[in-house]
């Protein structure tokens, strides 16, 4: 984190099975994030779309051998003032 001037701290990545609270947040945030991403893809005239639900997205990821979860948290002891 210090390398990018985010203060002193560390990233914590999760693996499967995800903690219940992380999985719940992931499932609840995904539909709105997908809508937003798809809206931007439309603005950019891109044909790709994100699926409406997380499970379909994860199936697509699996088809491309992307099977590691990506949720992470960061713990920072100090953040710089910009």
PDB file of N, CA and C in Angstrom:
ATOM      1  N   UNK A   1       0.812  -1.190   0.000  1.00  0.00           N
ATOM      2  CA  UNK A   1       0.000   0.000   0.000  1.00  0.00           C
ATOM      3  C   UNK A   1       0.861   1.261   0.000  1.00  0.00           C
ATOM      4  N   UNK A   2       1.954   1.211   0.719  1.00  0.00           N
ATOM      5  CA  UNK A   2       2.835   2.373   0.801  1.00  0.00           C
ATOM      6  C   UNK A   2       3.380   2.731  -0.573  1.00  0.00           C
ATOM      7  N   UNK A   3       3.664   1.715  -1.362  1.00  0.00           N
ATOM      8  CA  UNK A   3       4.205   1.913  -2.702  1.00  0.00           C
ATOM      9  C   UNK A   3       3.334   2.859  -3.533  1.00  0.00           C
ATOM     10  N   UNK A   4       2.007   2.782  -3.325  1.00  0.00           N
ATOM     11  CA  UNK A   4       1.083   3.632  -4.078  1.00  0.00           C
ATOM     12  C   UNK A   4       0.590   4.824  -3.264  1.00  0.00           C
ATOM     13  N   UNK A   5       1.272   5.120  -2.166  1.00  0.00           N
ATOM     14  CA  UNK A   5       0.980   6.256  -1.294  1.00  0.00           C
ATOM     15  C   UNK A   5      -0.404   6.170  -0.651  1.00  0.00           C
ATOM     16  N   UNK A   6      -0.826   4.948  -0.305  1.00  0.00           N
ATOM     17  CA  UNK A   6      -2.095   4.754   0.387  1.00  0.00           C
ATOM     18  C   UNK A   6      -1.898   4.644   1.896  1.00  0.00           C
ATOM     19  N   UNK A   7      -0.706   4.884   2.382  1.00  0.00           N
ATOM     20  CA  UNK A   7      -0.433   4.756   3.804  1.00  0.00           C
ATOM     21  C   UNK A   7       0.179   3.407   4.113  1.00  0.00           C
ATOM     22  N   UNK A   8       0.368   3.136   5.377  1.00  0.00           N
ATOM     23  CA  UNK A   8       0.923   1.857   5.809  1.00  0.00           C
ATOM     24  C   UNK A   8      -0.219   0.898   6.076  1.00  0.00           C
ATOM     25  N   UNK A   9      -0.113  -0.284   5.564  1.00  0.00           N
ATOM     26  CA  UNK A   9      -1.165  -1.267   5.766  1.00  0.00           C
ATOM     27  C   UNK A   9      -0.911  -2.484   4.910  1.00  0.00           C
ATOM     28  N   UNK A  10      -1.921  -3.311   4.784  1.00  0.00           N
ATOM     29  CA  UNK A  10      -1.784  -4.514   3.979  1.00  0.00           C
ATOM     30  C   UNK A  10      -3.131  -4.915   3.421  1.00  0.00           C
ATOM     31  N   UNK A  11      -3.091  -5.629   2.299  1.00  0.00           N
ATOM     32  CA  UNK A  11      -4.290  -6.167   1.690  1.00  0.00           C
ATOM     33  C   UNK A  11      -4.536  -7.563   2.236  1.00  0.00           C
ATOM     34  N   UNK A  12      -5.800  -7.910   2.394  1.00  0.00           N
ATOM     35  CA  UNK A  12      -6.182  -9.257   2.794  1.00  0.00           C
ATOM     36  C   UNK A  12      -7.103  -9.807   1.720  1.00  0.00           C
ATOM     37  N   UNK A  13      -6.656 -10.850   1.020  1.00  0.00           N
ATOM     38  CA  UNK A  13      -7.470 -11.491   0.003  1.00  0.00           C
ATOM     39  C   UNK A  13      -8.205 -12.662   0.632  1.00  0.00           C
ATOM     40  N   UNK A  14      -9.377 -12.955   0.112  1.00  0.00           N
ATOM     41  CA  UNK A  14     -10.170 -14.072   0.603  1.00  0.00           C
ATOM     42  C   UNK A  14     -10.128 -15.211  -0.403  1.00  0.00           C
ATOM     43  N   UNK A  15     -10.363 -16.415   0.077  1.00  0.00           N
ATOM     44  CA  UNK A  15     -10.475 -17.575  -0.804  1.00  0.00           C
ATOM     45  C   UNK A  15     -11.782 -18.284  -0.475  1.00  0.00           C
ATOM     46  N   UNK A  16     -12.163 -19.226  -1.338  1.00  0.00           N
ATOM     47  CA  UNK A  16     -13.394 -19.989  -1.096  1.00  0.00           C
ATOM     48  C   UNK A  16     -13.168 -20.975   0.027  1.00  0.00           C
ATOM     49  N   UNK A  17     -14.149 -21.225   0.847  1.00  0.00           N
ATOM     50  CA  UNK A  17     -15.440 -20.547   0.894  1.00  0.00           C
ATOM     51  C   UNK A  17     -15.281 -19.154   1.508  1.00  0.00           C
ATOM     52  N   UNK A  18     -15.958 -18.187   0.910  1.00  0.00           N
ATOM     53  CA  UNK A  18     -15.895 -16.820   1.425  1.00  0.00           C
ATOM     54  C   UNK A  18     -16.634 -16.737   2.751  1.00  0.00           C
ATOM     55  N   UNK A  19     -16.201 -15.860   3.643  1.00  0.00           N
ATOM     56  CA  UNK A  19     -16.966 -15.646   4.868  1.00  0.00           C
ATOM     57  C   UNK A  19     -18.394 -15.224   4.503  1.00  0.00           C
ATOM     58  N   UNK A  20     -19.348 -15.626   5.296  1.00  0.00           N
ATOM     59  CA  UNK A  20     -20.763 -15.387   4.987  1.00  0.00           C
ATOM     60  C   UNK A  20     -21.063 -13.916   4.709  1.00  0.00           C
ATOM     61  N   UNK A  21     -20.498 -13.034   5.514  1.00  0.00           N
ATOM     62  CA  UNK A  21     -20.783 -11.611   5.323  1.00  0.00           C
ATOM     63  C   UNK A  21     -20.227 -11.116   3.981  1.00  0.00           C
ATOM     64  N   UNK A  22     -19.066 -11.605   3.563  1.00  0.00           N
ATOM     65  CA  UNK A  22     -18.476 -11.210   2.285  1.00  0.00           C
ATOM     66  C   UNK A  22     -19.318 -11.763   1.130  1.00  0.00           C
ATOM     67  N   UNK A  23     -19.715 -13.019   1.218  1.00  0.00           N
ATOM     68  CA  UNK A  23     -20.547 -13.615   0.174  1.00  0.00           C
ATOM     69  C   UNK A  23     -21.880 -12.889   0.055  1.00  0.00           C
ATOM     70  N   UNK A  24     -22.470 -12.549   1.175  1.00  0.00           N
ATOM     71  CA  UNK A  24     -23.749 -11.841   1.178  1.00  0.00           C
ATOM     72  C   UNK A  24     -23.616 -10.459   0.534  1.00  0.00           C
ATOM     73  N   UNK A  25     -22.562  -9.736   0.888  1.00  0.00           N
ATOM     74  CA  UNK A  25     -22.339  -8.423   0.292  1.00  0.00           C
ATOM     75  C   UNK A  25     -22.101  -8.549  -1.213  1.00  0.00           C
ATOM     76  N   UNK A  26     -21.334  -9.526  -1.578  1.00  0.00           N
ATOM     77  CA  UNK A  26     -21.021  -9.744  -2.993  1.00  0.00           C
ATOM     78  C   UNK A  26     -22.298  -9.997  -3.795  1.00  0.00           C
ATOM     79  N   UNK A  27     -23.169 -10.856  -3.268  1.00  0.00           N
ATOM     80  CA  UNK A  27     -24.416 -11.178  -3.953  1.00  0.00           C
ATOM     81  C   UNK A  27     -25.370  -9.991  -3.996  1.00  0.00           C
ATOM     82  N   UNK A  28     -25.395  -9.195  -2.942  1.00  0.00           N
ATOM     83  CA  UNK A  28     -26.332  -8.067  -2.921  1.00  0.00           C
ATOM     84  C   UNK A  28     -25.849  -6.896  -3.774  1.00  0.00           C
ATOM     85  N   UNK A  29     -24.537  -6.681  -3.872  1.00  0.00           N
ATOM     86  CA  UNK A  29     -24.010  -5.571  -4.672  1.00  0.00           C
ATOM     87  C   UNK A  29     -23.974  -5.873  -6.167  1.00  0.00           C
ATOM     88  N   UNK A  30     -23.793  -7.134  -6.516  1.00  0.00           N
ATOM     89  CA  UNK A  30     -23.551  -7.486  -7.915  1.00  0.00           C
ATOM     90  C   UNK A  30     -24.620  -6.977  -8.884  1.00  0.00           C
ATOM     91  N   UNK A  31     -25.924  -7.184  -8.640  1.00  0.00           N
ATOM     92  CA  UNK A  31     -26.913  -6.762  -9.655  1.00  0.00           C
ATOM     93  C   UNK A  31     -26.822  -5.280 -10.023  1.00  0.00           C
ATOM     94  N   UNK A  32     -26.666  -4.406  -9.056  1.00  0.00           N
ATOM     95  CA  UNK A  32     -26.566  -2.976  -9.366  1.00  0.00           C
ATOM     96  C   UNK A  32     -25.241  -2.634 -10.041  1.00  0.00           C
ATOM     97  N   UNK A  33     -24.177  -3.291  -9.621  1.00  0.00           N
ATOM     98  CA  UNK A  33     -22.885  -3.056 -10.269  1.00  0.00           C
ATOM     99  C   UNK A  33     -22.919  -3.521 -11.725  1.00  0.00           C
ATOM    100  N   UNK A  34     -23.576  -4.650 -11.988  1.00  0.00           N
ATOM    101  CA  UNK A  34     -23.685  -5.153 -13.358  1.00  0.00           C
ATOM    102  C   UNK A  34     -24.496  -4.182 -14.212  1.00  0.00           C
ATOM    103  N   UNK A  35     -25.589  -3.656 -13.663  1.00  0.00           N
ATOM    104  CA  UNK A  35     -26.394  -2.673 -14.408  1.00  0.00           C
ATOM    105  C   UNK A  35     -25.553  -1.447 -14.761  1.00  0.00           C
ATOM    106  N   UNK A  36     -24.787  -0.967 -13.792  1.00  0.00           N
ATOM    107  CA  UNK A  36     -23.939   0.212 -14.025  1.00  0.00           C
ATOM    108  C   UNK A  36     -22.880  -0.098 -15.081  1.00  0.00           C
ATOM    109  N   UNK A  37     -22.228  -1.247 -14.961  1.00  0.00           N
ATOM    110  CA  UNK A  37     -21.199  -1.637 -15.931  1.00  0.00           C
ATOM    111  C   UNK A  37     -21.800  -1.775 -17.326  1.00  0.00           C
ATOM    112  N   UNK A  38     -22.987  -2.368 -17.416  1.00  0.00           N
ATOM    113  CA  UNK A  38     -23.632  -2.541 -18.717  1.00  0.00           C
ATOM    114  C   UNK A  38     -24.044  -1.199 -19.325  1.00  0.00           C
ATOM    115  N   UNK A  39     -24.462  -0.280 -18.482  1.00  0.00           N
ATOM    116  CA  UNK A  39     -24.809   1.053 -18.973  1.00  0.00           C
ATOM    117  C   UNK A  39     -23.562   1.714 -19.582  1.00  0.00           C
ATOM    118  N   UNK A  40     -22.434   1.604 -18.885  1.00  0.00           N
ATOM    119  CA  UNK A  40     -21.184   2.180 -19.400  1.00  0.00           C
ATOM    120  C   UNK A  40     -20.736   1.476 -20.675  1.00  0.00           C
ATOM    121  N   UNK A  41     -20.894   0.176 -20.718  1.00  0.00           N
ATOM    122  CA  UNK A  41     -20.541  -0.545 -21.946  1.00  0.00           C
ATOM    123  C   UNK A  41     -21.388  -0.047 -23.115  1.00  0.00           C
ATOM    124  N   UNK A  42     -22.648   0.268 -22.843  1.00  0.00           N
ATOM    125  CA  UNK A  42     -23.511   0.830 -23.877  1.00  0.00           C
ATOM    126  C   UNK A  42     -23.017   2.189 -24.342  1.00  0.00           C
ATOM    127  N   UNK A  43     -22.635   3.042 -23.389  1.00  0.00           N
ATOM    128  CA  UNK A  43     -22.096   4.360 -23.746  1.00  0.00           C
ATOM    129  C   UNK A  43     -20.850   4.227 -24.611  1.00  0.00           C
ATOM    130  N   UNK A  44     -20.064   3.198 -24.332  1.00  0.00           N
ATOM    131  CA  UNK A  44     -18.818   2.970 -25.061  1.00  0.00           C
ATOM    132  C   UNK A  44     -19.015   2.157 -26.340  1.00  0.00           C
ATOM    133  N   UNK A  45     -20.276   1.820 -26.610  1.00  0.00           N
ATOM    134  CA  UNK A  45     -20.624   1.052 -27.820  1.00  0.00           C
ATOM    135  C   UNK A  45     -19.934  -0.316 -27.854  1.00  0.00           C
ATOM    136  N   UNK A  46     -19.843  -0.936 -26.692  1.00  0.00           N
ATOM    137  CA  UNK A  46     -19.244  -2.268 -26.586  1.00  0.00           C
ATOM    138  C   UNK A  46     -20.364  -3.305 -26.572  1.00  0.00           C
ATOM    139  N   UNK A  47     -20.217  -4.404 -27.290  1.00  0.00           N
ATOM    140  CA  UNK A  47     -21.283  -5.411 -27.355  1.00  0.00           C
ATOM    141  C   UNK A  47     -21.354  -6.323 -26.125  1.00  0.00           C
ATOM    142  N   UNK A  48     -20.262  -6.419 -25.367  1.00  0.00           N
ATOM    143  CA  UNK A  48     -20.245  -7.314 -24.222  1.00  0.00           C
ATOM    144  C   UNK A  48     -21.197  -6.800 -23.149  1.00  0.00           C
ATOM    145  N   UNK A  49     -21.802  -7.726 -22.418  1.00  0.00           N
ATOM    146  CA  UNK A  49     -22.653  -7.364 -21.278  1.00  0.00           C
ATOM    147  C   UNK A  49     -22.349  -8.292 -20.120  1.00  0.00           C
ATOM    148  N   UNK A  50     -22.480  -7.758 -18.919  1.00  0.00           N
ATOM    149  CA  UNK A  50     -22.365  -8.580 -17.726  1.00  0.00           C
ATOM    150  C   UNK A  50     -23.714  -9.230 -17.465  1.00  0.00           C
ATOM    151  N   UNK A  51     -23.729 -10.493 -17.025  1.00  0.00           N
ATOM    152  CA  UNK A  51     -24.999 -11.151 -16.714  1.00  0.00           C
ATOM    153  C   UNK A  51     -25.724 -10.443 -15.565  1.00  0.00           C
ATOM    154  N   UNK A  52     -27.030 -10.690 -15.466  1.00  0.00           N
ATOM    155  CA  UNK A  52     -27.839 -10.046 -14.428  1.00  0.00           C
ATOM    156  C   UNK A  52     -27.556 -10.558 -13.022  1.00  0.00           C
ATOM    157  N   UNK A  53     -27.085 -11.798 -12.915  1.00  0.00           N
ATOM    158  CA  UNK A  53     -26.849 -12.318 -11.561  1.00  0.00           C
ATOM    159  C   UNK A  53     -25.432 -12.854 -11.412  1.00  0.00           C
ATOM    160  N   UNK A  54     -24.990 -12.878 -10.180  1.00  0.00           N
ATOM    161  CA  UNK A  54     -23.614 -13.249  -9.856  1.00  0.00           C
ATOM    162  C   UNK A  54     -23.278 -14.669 -10.285  1.00  0.00           C
ATOM    163  N   UNK A  55     -24.200 -15.603 -10.088  1.00  0.00           N
ATOM    164  CA  UNK A  55     -23.901 -16.997 -10.417  1.00  0.00           C
ATOM    165  C   UNK A  55     -23.594 -17.174 -11.905  1.00  0.00           C
ATOM    166  N   UNK A  56     -24.339 -16.481 -12.763  1.00  0.00           N
ATOM    167  CA  UNK A  56     -24.051 -16.561 -14.196  1.00  0.00           C
ATOM    168  C   UNK A  56     -22.691 -15.938 -14.519  1.00  0.00           C
ATOM    169  N   UNK A  57     -22.373 -14.852 -13.849  1.00  0.00           N
ATOM    170  CA  UNK A  57     -21.066 -14.225 -14.030  1.00  0.00           C
ATOM    171  C   UNK A  57     -19.943 -15.188 -13.623  1.00  0.00           C
ATOM    172  N   UNK A  58     -20.125 -15.852 -12.484  1.00  0.00           N
ATOM    173  CA  UNK A  58     -19.103 -16.791 -12.012  1.00  0.00           C
ATOM    174  C   UNK A  58     -18.956 -17.984 -12.950  1.00  0.00           C
ATOM    175  N   UNK A  59     -20.071 -18.415 -13.565  1.00  0.00           N
ATOM    176  CA  UNK A  59     -19.986 -19.506 -14.556  1.00  0.00           C
ATOM    177  C   UNK A  59     -19.148 -19.068 -15.754  1.00  0.00           C
ATOM    178  N   UNK A  60     -19.362 -17.839 -16.205  1.00  0.00           N
ATOM    179  CA  UNK A  60     -18.571 -17.311 -17.319  1.00  0.00           C
ATOM    180  C   UNK A  60     -17.093 -17.263 -16.941  1.00  0.00           C
ATOM    181  N   UNK A  61     -16.814 -16.789 -15.731  1.00  0.00           N
ATOM    182  CA  UNK A  61     -15.422 -16.744 -15.260  1.00  0.00           C
ATOM    183  C   UNK A  61     -14.811 -18.139 -15.263  1.00  0.00           C
ATOM    184  N   UNK A  62     -15.575 -19.111 -14.803  1.00  0.00           N
ATOM    185  CA  UNK A  62     -15.077 -20.488 -14.736  1.00  0.00           C
ATOM    186  C   UNK A  62     -14.762 -21.027 -16.132  1.00  0.00           C
ATOM    187  N   UNK A  63     -15.588 -20.661 -17.108  1.00  0.00           N
ATOM    188  CA  UNK A  63     -15.333 -21.096 -18.479  1.00  0.00           C
ATOM    189  C   UNK A  63     -13.978 -20.593 -18.989  1.00  0.00           C
ATOM    190  N   UNK A  64     -13.540 -19.470 -18.462  1.00  0.00           N
ATOM    191  CA  UNK A  64     -12.245 -18.899 -18.842  1.00  0.00           C
ATOM    192  C   UNK A  64     -11.158 -19.201 -17.814  1.00  0.00           C
ATOM    193  N   UNK A  65     -11.437 -20.195 -16.965  1.00  0.00           N
ATOM    194  CA  UNK A  65     -10.497 -20.668 -15.947  1.00  0.00           C
ATOM    195  C   UNK A  65     -10.094 -19.591 -14.949  1.00  0.00           C
ATOM    196  N   UNK A  66     -11.002 -18.665 -14.700  1.00  0.00           N
ATOM    197  CA  UNK A  66     -10.795 -17.651 -13.666  1.00  0.00           C
ATOM    198  C   UNK A  66     -11.637 -18.068 -12.457  1.00  0.00           C
ATOM    199  N   UNK A  67     -11.053 -18.877 -11.610  1.00  0.00           N
ATOM    200  CA  UNK A  67     -11.820 -19.483 -10.526  1.00  0.00           C
ATOM    201  C   UNK A  67     -11.478 -18.946  -9.142  1.00  0.00           C
ATOM    202  N   UNK A  68     -10.528 -18.047  -9.048  1.00  0.00           N
ATOM    203  CA  UNK A  68     -10.170 -17.493  -7.737  1.00  0.00           C
ATOM    204  C   UNK A  68     -11.087 -16.316  -7.421  1.00  0.00           C
ATOM    205  N   UNK A  69     -11.593 -16.258  -6.189  1.00  0.00           N
ATOM    206  CA  UNK A  69     -12.410 -15.097  -5.833  1.00  0.00           C
ATOM    207  C   UNK A  69     -11.518 -13.858  -5.729  1.00  0.00           C
ATOM    208  N   UNK A  70     -12.087 -12.708  -5.945  1.00  0.00           N
ATOM    209  CA  UNK A  70     -11.287 -11.493  -5.920  1.00  0.00           C
ATOM    210  C   UNK A  70     -11.592 -10.544  -4.776  1.00  0.00           C
ATOM    211  N   UNK A  71     -12.541 -10.860  -3.869  1.00  0.00           N
ATOM    212  CA  UNK A  71     -12.777  -9.901  -2.791  1.00  0.00           C
ATOM    213  C   UNK A  71     -11.515  -9.670  -1.969  1.00  0.00           C
ATOM    214  N   UNK A  72     -11.302  -8.430  -1.611  1.00  0.00           N
ATOM    215  CA  UNK A  72     -10.174  -8.107  -0.750  1.00  0.00           C
ATOM    216  C   UNK A  72     -10.575  -6.969   0.165  1.00  0.00           C
ATOM    217  N   UNK A  73      -9.889  -6.869   1.248  1.00  0.00           N
ATOM    218  CA  UNK A  73     -10.037  -5.725   2.141  1.00  0.00           C
ATOM    219  C   UNK A  73      -8.659  -5.126   2.313  1.00  0.00           C
ATOM    220  N   UNK A  74      -8.624  -3.885   2.672  1.00  0.00           N
ATOM    221  CA  UNK A  74      -7.331  -3.277   2.951  1.00  0.00           C
ATOM    222  C   UNK A  74      -7.374  -2.690   4.351  1.00  0.00           C
ATOM    223  N   UNK A  75      -6.306  -2.876   5.031  1.00  0.00           N
ATOM    224  CA  UNK A  75      -6.172  -2.346   6.374  1.00  0.00           C
ATOM    225  C   UNK A  75      -5.073  -1.296   6.330  1.00  0.00           C
ATOM    226  N   UNK A  76      -5.452  -0.068   6.607  1.00  0.00           N
ATOM    227  CA  UNK A  76      -4.499   1.012   6.531  1.00  0.00           C
ATOM    228  C   UNK A  76      -4.343   1.664   7.907  1.00  0.00           C
ATOM    229  N   UNK A  77      -3.123   1.906   8.272  1.00  0.00           N
ATOM    230  CA  UNK A  77      -2.868   2.567   9.543  1.00  0.00           C
ATOM    231  C   UNK A  77      -2.921   4.086   9.392  1.00  0.00           C
ATOM    232  N   UNK A  78      -2.675   4.553   8.178  1.00  0.00           N
ATOM    233  CA  UNK A  78      -2.744   6.002   7.937  1.00  0.00           C
ATOM    234  C   UNK A  78      -2.969   6.255   6.462  1.00  0.00           C
ATOM    235  N   UNK A  79      -3.829   7.172   6.137  1.00  0.00           N
ATOM    236  CA  UNK A  79      -4.065   7.549   4.756  1.00  0.00           C
ATOM    237  C   UNK A  79      -3.507   8.956   4.537  1.00  0.00           C
ATOM    238  N   UNK A  80      -2.831   9.173   3.439  1.00  0.00           N
ATOM    239  CA  UNK A  80      -2.273  10.506   3.189  1.00  0.00           C
ATOM    240  C   UNK A  80      -3.387  11.493   2.829  1.00  0.00           C
ATOM    241  N   UNK A  81      -3.179  12.713   3.150  1.00  0.00           N
ATOM    242  CA  UNK A  81      -4.094  13.778   2.741  1.00  0.00           C
ATOM    243  C   UNK A  81      -3.680  14.232   1.362  1.00  0.00           C
ATOM    244  N   UNK A  82      -4.614  14.275   0.458  1.00  0.00           N
ATOM    245  CA  UNK A  82      -4.285  14.673  -0.917  1.00  0.00           C
ATOM    246  C   UNK A  82      -4.494  16.146  -1.107  1.00  0.00           C
TER     247      UNK A  82
END
